[in-house]
PDB file of N, CA and C in Angstrom:
ATOM      1  N   UNK A   1      53.844 -37.388 124.177  1.00  0.00           N
ATOM      2  CA  UNK A   1      54.874 -37.303 123.165  1.00  0.00           C
ATOM      3  C   UNK A   1      55.701 -36.040 123.428  1.00  0.00           C
ATOM      4  N   UNK A   2      56.990 -36.167 123.386  1.00  0.00           N
ATOM      5  CA  UNK A   2      57.888 -35.055 123.659  1.00  0.00           C
ATOM      6  C   UNK A   2      58.599 -34.637 122.380  1.00  0.00           C
ATOM      7  N   UNK A   3      58.950 -33.388 122.308  1.00  0.00           N
ATOM      8  CA  UNK A   3      59.698 -32.895 121.155  1.00  0.00           C
ATOM      9  C   UNK A   3      61.135 -32.624 121.577  1.00  0.00           C
ATOM     10  N   UNK A   4      62.064 -33.007 120.734  1.00  0.00           N
ATOM     11  CA  UNK A   4      63.470 -32.754 121.023  1.00  0.00           C
ATOM     12  C   UNK A   4      63.825 -31.362 120.539  1.00  0.00           C
ATOM     13  N   UNK A   5      65.060 -30.931 120.788  1.00  0.00           N
ATOM     14  CA  UNK A   5      65.462 -29.591 120.368  1.00  0.00           C
ATOM     15  C   UNK A   5      65.494 -29.449 118.859  1.00  0.00           C
ATOM     16  N   UNK A   6      65.518 -30.559 118.123  1.00  0.00           N
ATOM     17  CA  UNK A   6      65.485 -30.479 116.656  1.00  0.00           C
ATOM     18  C   UNK A   6      64.061 -30.413 116.139  1.00  0.00           C
ATOM     19  N   UNK A   7      63.074 -30.563 117.030  1.00  0.00           N
ATOM     20  CA  UNK A   7      61.685 -30.478 116.619  1.00  0.00           C
ATOM     21  C   UNK A   7      61.067 -31.817 116.294  1.00  0.00           C
ATOM     22  N   UNK A   8      61.831 -32.876 116.326  1.00  0.00           N
ATOM     23  CA  UNK A   8      61.288 -34.204 116.039  1.00  0.00           C
ATOM     24  C   UNK A   8      60.560 -34.752 117.261  1.00  0.00           C
ATOM     25  N   UNK A   9      59.505 -35.467 117.004  1.00  0.00           N
ATOM     26  CA  UNK A   9      58.748 -36.069 118.103  1.00  0.00           C
ATOM     27  C   UNK A   9      59.530 -37.239 118.679  1.00  0.00           C
ATOM     28  N   UNK A  10      59.497 -37.346 119.971  1.00  0.00           N
ATOM     29  CA  UNK A  10      60.195 -38.419 120.669  1.00  0.00           C
ATOM     30  C   UNK A  10      59.203 -39.058 121.635  1.00  0.00           C
ATOM     31  N   UNK A  11      58.986 -40.347 121.510  1.00  0.00           N
ATOM     32  CA  UNK A  11      57.995 -41.021 122.349  1.00  0.00           C
ATOM     33  C   UNK A  11      58.523 -41.321 123.756  1.00  0.00           C
ATOM     34  N   UNK A  12      59.805 -41.358 123.932  1.00  0.00           N
ATOM     35  CA  UNK A  12      60.360 -41.633 125.258  1.00  0.00           C
ATOM     36  C   UNK A  12      60.958 -40.360 125.827  1.00  0.00           C
ATOM     37  N   UNK A  13      60.811 -40.206 127.096  1.00  0.00           N
ATOM     38  CA  UNK A  13      61.365 -39.037 127.770  1.00  0.00           C
ATOM     39  C   UNK A  13      62.854 -39.243 128.001  1.00  0.00           C
ATOM     40  N   UNK A  14      63.633 -38.210 127.776  1.00  0.00           N
ATOM     41  CA  UNK A  14      65.068 -38.301 128.033  1.00  0.00           C
ATOM     42  C   UNK A  14      65.390 -37.997 129.492  1.00  0.00           C
ATOM     43  N   UNK A  15      64.386 -37.575 130.257  1.00  0.00           N
ATOM     44  CA  UNK A  15      64.578 -37.257 131.665  1.00  0.00           C
ATOM     45  C   UNK A  15      64.209 -38.487 132.491  1.00  0.00           C
ATOM     46  N   UNK A  16      65.143 -39.002 133.298  1.00  0.00           N
ATOM     47  CA  UNK A  16      64.818 -40.184 134.106  1.00  0.00           C
ATOM     48  C   UNK A  16      63.825 -39.834 135.217  1.00  0.00           C
ATOM     49  N   UNK A  17      63.006 -40.796 135.584  1.00  0.00           N
ATOM     50  CA  UNK A  17      62.041 -40.590 136.662  1.00  0.00           C
ATOM     51  C   UNK A  17      62.763 -40.563 137.999  1.00  0.00           C
ATOM     52  N   UNK A  18      62.260 -39.747 138.909  1.00  0.00           N
ATOM     53  CA  UNK A  18      62.831 -39.691 140.248  1.00  0.00           C
ATOM     54  C   UNK A  18      62.252 -40.818 141.086  1.00  0.00           C
ATOM     55  N   UNK A  19      63.122 -41.552 141.724  1.00  0.00           N
ATOM     56  CA  UNK A  19      62.661 -42.618 142.608  1.00  0.00           C
ATOM     57  C   UNK A  19      62.526 -42.072 144.025  1.00  0.00           C
ATOM     58  N   UNK A  20      61.932 -42.866 144.881  1.00  0.00           N
ATOM     59  CA  UNK A  20      61.756 -42.453 146.276  1.00  0.00           C
ATOM     60  C   UNK A  20      63.113 -42.230 146.934  1.00  0.00           C
ATOM     61  N   UNK A  21      64.075 -43.087 146.627  1.00  0.00           N
ATOM     62  CA  UNK A  21      65.401 -42.912 147.233  1.00  0.00           C
ATOM     63  C   UNK A  21      66.068 -41.635 146.742  1.00  0.00           C
ATOM     64  N   UNK A  22      65.854 -41.262 145.482  1.00  0.00           N
ATOM     65  CA  UNK A  22      66.400 -39.996 144.982  1.00  0.00           C
ATOM     66  C   UNK A  22      65.802 -38.814 145.734  1.00  0.00           C
ATOM     67  N   UNK A  23      64.501 -38.837 145.920  1.00  0.00           N
ATOM     68  CA  UNK A  23      63.826 -37.739 146.617  1.00  0.00           C
ATOM     69  C   UNK A  23      64.284 -37.667 148.068  1.00  0.00           C
ATOM     70  N   UNK A  24      64.396 -38.824 148.733  1.00  0.00           N
ATOM     71  CA  UNK A  24      64.875 -38.833 150.119  1.00  0.00           C
ATOM     72  C   UNK A  24      66.308 -38.326 150.216  1.00  0.00           C
ATOM     73  N   UNK A  25      67.149 -38.722 149.282  1.00  0.00           N
ATOM     74  CA  UNK A  25      68.537 -38.271 149.292  1.00  0.00           C
ATOM     75  C   UNK A  25      68.623 -36.766 149.078  1.00  0.00           C
ATOM     76  N   UNK A  26      67.873 -36.248 148.121  1.00  0.00           N
ATOM     77  CA  UNK A  26      67.886 -34.800 147.870  1.00  0.00           C
ATOM     78  C   UNK A  26      67.370 -34.028 149.074  1.00  0.00           C
ATOM     79  N   UNK A  27      66.339 -34.548 149.726  1.00  0.00           N
ATOM     80  CA  UNK A  27      65.803 -33.905 150.924  1.00  0.00           C
ATOM     81  C   UNK A  27      66.840 -33.902 152.041  1.00  0.00           C
ATOM     82  N   UNK A  28      67.519 -35.027 152.219  1.00  0.00           N
ATOM     83  CA  UNK A  28      68.546 -35.146 153.255  1.00  0.00           C
ATOM     84  C   UNK A  28      69.696 -34.176 153.003  1.00  0.00           C
ATOM     85  N   UNK A  29      70.179 -34.117 151.770  1.00  0.00           N
ATOM     86  CA  UNK A  29      71.303 -33.238 151.435  1.00  0.00           C
ATOM     87  C   UNK A  29      70.896 -31.774 151.572  1.00  0.00           C
ATOM     88  N   UNK A  30      69.689 -31.428 151.132  1.00  0.00           N
ATOM     89  CA  UNK A  30      69.210 -30.049 151.275  1.00  0.00           C
ATOM     90  C   UNK A  30      69.090 -29.668 152.744  1.00  0.00           C
ATOM     91  N   UNK A  31      68.619 -30.601 153.556  1.00  0.00           N
ATOM     92  CA  UNK A  31      68.514 -30.343 154.988  1.00  0.00           C
ATOM     93  C   UNK A  31      69.871 -30.130 155.632  1.00  0.00           C
ATOM     94  N   UNK A  32      70.857 -30.922 155.227  1.00  0.00           N
ATOM     95  CA  UNK A  32      72.212 -30.734 155.763  1.00  0.00           C
ATOM     96  C   UNK A  32      72.799 -29.391 155.341  1.00  0.00           C
ATOM     97  N   UNK A  33      72.538 -28.981 154.111  1.00  0.00           N
ATOM     98  CA  UNK A  33      73.025 -27.679 153.643  1.00  0.00           C
ATOM     99  C   UNK A  33      72.374 -26.553 154.443  1.00  0.00           C
ATOM    100  N   UNK A  34      71.068 -26.653 154.666  1.00  0.00           N
ATOM    101  CA  UNK A  34      70.365 -25.633 155.450  1.00  0.00           C
ATOM    102  C   UNK A  34      70.872 -25.610 156.890  1.00  0.00           C
ATOM    103  N   UNK A  35      71.124 -26.779 157.449  1.00  0.00           N
ATOM    104  CA  UNK A  35      71.643 -26.856 158.811  1.00  0.00           C
ATOM    105  C   UNK A  35      73.037 -26.236 158.908  1.00  0.00           C
ATOM    106  N   UNK A  36      73.846 -26.397 157.885  1.00  0.00           N
ATOM    107  CA  UNK A  36      75.181 -25.792 157.863  1.00  0.00           C
ATOM    108  C   UNK A  36      75.093 -24.274 157.825  1.00  0.00           C
ATOM    109  N   UNK A  37      74.204 -23.750 157.006  1.00  0.00           N
ATOM    110  CA  UNK A  37      74.022 -22.292 156.929  1.00  0.00           C
ATOM    111  C   UNK A  37      73.510 -21.764 158.264  1.00  0.00           C
ATOM    112  N   UNK A  38      72.568 -22.474 158.870  1.00  0.00           N
ATOM    113  CA  UNK A  38      72.039 -22.072 160.169  1.00  0.00           C
ATOM    114  C   UNK A  38      73.139 -22.103 161.235  1.00  0.00           C
ATOM    115  N   UNK A  39      74.000 -23.102 161.185  1.00  0.00           N
ATOM    116  CA  UNK A  39      75.112 -23.190 162.129  1.00  0.00           C
ATOM    117  C   UNK A  39      76.090 -22.033 161.980  1.00  0.00           C
ATOM    118  N   UNK A  40      76.365 -21.644 160.733  1.00  0.00           N
ATOM    119  CA  UNK A  40      77.232 -20.483 160.506  1.00  0.00           C
ATOM    120  C   UNK A  40      76.604 -19.217 161.071  1.00  0.00           C
ATOM    121  N   UNK A  41      75.299 -19.061 160.866  1.00  0.00           N
ATOM    122  CA  UNK A  41      74.592 -17.894 161.397  1.00  0.00           C
ATOM    123  C   UNK A  41      74.657 -17.872 162.922  1.00  0.00           C
ATOM    124  N   UNK A  42      74.391 -19.014 163.551  1.00  0.00           N
ATOM    125  CA  UNK A  42      74.436 -19.056 165.012  1.00  0.00           C
ATOM    126  C   UNK A  42      75.843 -18.794 165.537  1.00  0.00           C
ATOM    127  N   UNK A  43      76.849 -19.324 164.865  1.00  0.00           N
ATOM    128  CA  UNK A  43      78.224 -19.062 165.273  1.00  0.00           C
ATOM    129  C   UNK A  43      78.558 -17.585 165.216  1.00  0.00           C
ATOM    130  N   UNK A  44      78.096 -16.917 164.174  1.00  0.00           N
ATOM    131  CA  UNK A  44      78.320 -15.475 164.035  1.00  0.00           C
ATOM    132  C   UNK A  44      77.602 -14.709 165.145  1.00  0.00           C
ATOM    133  N   UNK A  45      76.366 -15.090 165.435  1.00  0.00           N
ATOM    134  CA  UNK A  45      75.607 -14.374 166.457  1.00  0.00           C
ATOM    135  C   UNK A  45      76.213 -14.582 167.847  1.00  0.00           C
ATOM    136  N   UNK A  46      76.680 -15.778 168.144  1.00  0.00           N
ATOM    137  CA  UNK A  46      77.326 -16.029 169.439  1.00  0.00           C
ATOM    138  C   UNK A  46      78.619 -15.230 169.533  1.00  0.00           C
ATOM    139  N   UNK A  47      79.359 -15.149 168.440  1.00  0.00           N
ATOM    140  CA  UNK A  47      80.596 -14.371 168.414  1.00  0.00           C
ATOM    141  C   UNK A  47      80.308 -12.900 168.707  1.00  0.00           C
ATOM    142  N   UNK A  48      79.277 -12.354 168.064  1.00  0.00           N
ATOM    143  CA  UNK A  48      78.918 -10.949 168.308  1.00  0.00           C
ATOM    144  C   UNK A  48      78.497 -10.738 169.753  1.00  0.00           C
ATOM    145  N   UNK A  49      77.721 -11.682 170.294  1.00  0.00           N
ATOM    146  CA  UNK A  49      77.266 -11.569 171.674  1.00  0.00           C
ATOM    147  C   UNK A  49      78.450 -11.619 172.636  1.00  0.00           C
ATOM    148  N   UNK A  50      79.405 -12.492 172.367  1.00  0.00           N
ATOM    149  CA  UNK A  50      80.592 -12.602 173.221  1.00  0.00           C
ATOM    150  C   UNK A  50      81.397 -11.307 173.198  1.00  0.00           C
ATOM    151  N   UNK A  51      81.575 -10.734 172.016  1.00  0.00           N
ATOM    152  CA  UNK A  51      82.301  -9.466 171.923  1.00  0.00           C
ATOM    153  C   UNK A  51      81.565  -8.345 172.652  1.00  0.00           C
ATOM    154  N   UNK A  52      80.237  -8.312 172.510  1.00  0.00           N
ATOM    155  CA  UNK A  52      79.454  -7.269 173.184  1.00  0.00           C
ATOM    156  C   UNK A  52      79.547  -7.419 174.699  1.00  0.00           C
ATOM    157  N   UNK A  53      79.497  -8.651 175.195  1.00  0.00           N
ATOM    158  CA  UNK A  53      79.617  -8.866 176.643  1.00  0.00           C
ATOM    159  C   UNK A  53      81.011  -8.472 177.141  1.00  0.00           C
ATOM    160  N   UNK A  54      82.024  -8.713 176.321  1.00  0.00           N
ATOM    161  CA  UNK A  54      83.386  -8.343 176.703  1.00  0.00           C
ATOM    162  C   UNK A  54      83.572  -6.838 176.790  1.00  0.00           C
ATOM    163  N   UNK A  55      82.844  -6.110 175.962  1.00  0.00           N
ATOM    164  CA  UNK A  55      82.912  -4.646 176.001  1.00  0.00           C
ATOM    165  C   UNK A  55      82.009  -4.060 177.066  1.00  0.00           C
ATOM    166  N   UNK A  56      81.186  -4.888 177.682  1.00  0.00           N
ATOM    167  CA  UNK A  56      80.285  -4.417 178.729  1.00  0.00           C
ATOM    168  C   UNK A  56      79.032  -3.769 178.192  1.00  0.00           C
ATOM    169  N   UNK A  57      78.647  -4.080 176.970  1.00  0.00           N
ATOM    170  CA  UNK A  57      77.455  -3.471 176.386  1.00  0.00           C
ATOM    171  C   UNK A  57      76.179  -4.175 176.818  1.00  0.00           C
ATOM    172  N   UNK A  58      76.298  -5.380 177.319  1.00  0.00           N
ATOM    173  CA  UNK A  58      75.082  -6.107 177.727  1.00  0.00           C
ATOM    174  C   UNK A  58      74.986  -6.217 179.221  1.00  0.00           C
TER     175      UNK A  58
END
């Protein structure tokens, strides 16, 4: 039994259950977001390495 914000008991949950497809979709989207952040990091590191090689530091 769940209580609503007014304090009344509610026998049904207002939160929908997550299905397998919802979980797979969220995992896929989170993975793409992480991959994008990783790609930005790698792009920055390659840029720094290229500049350092151009200056003759490596």
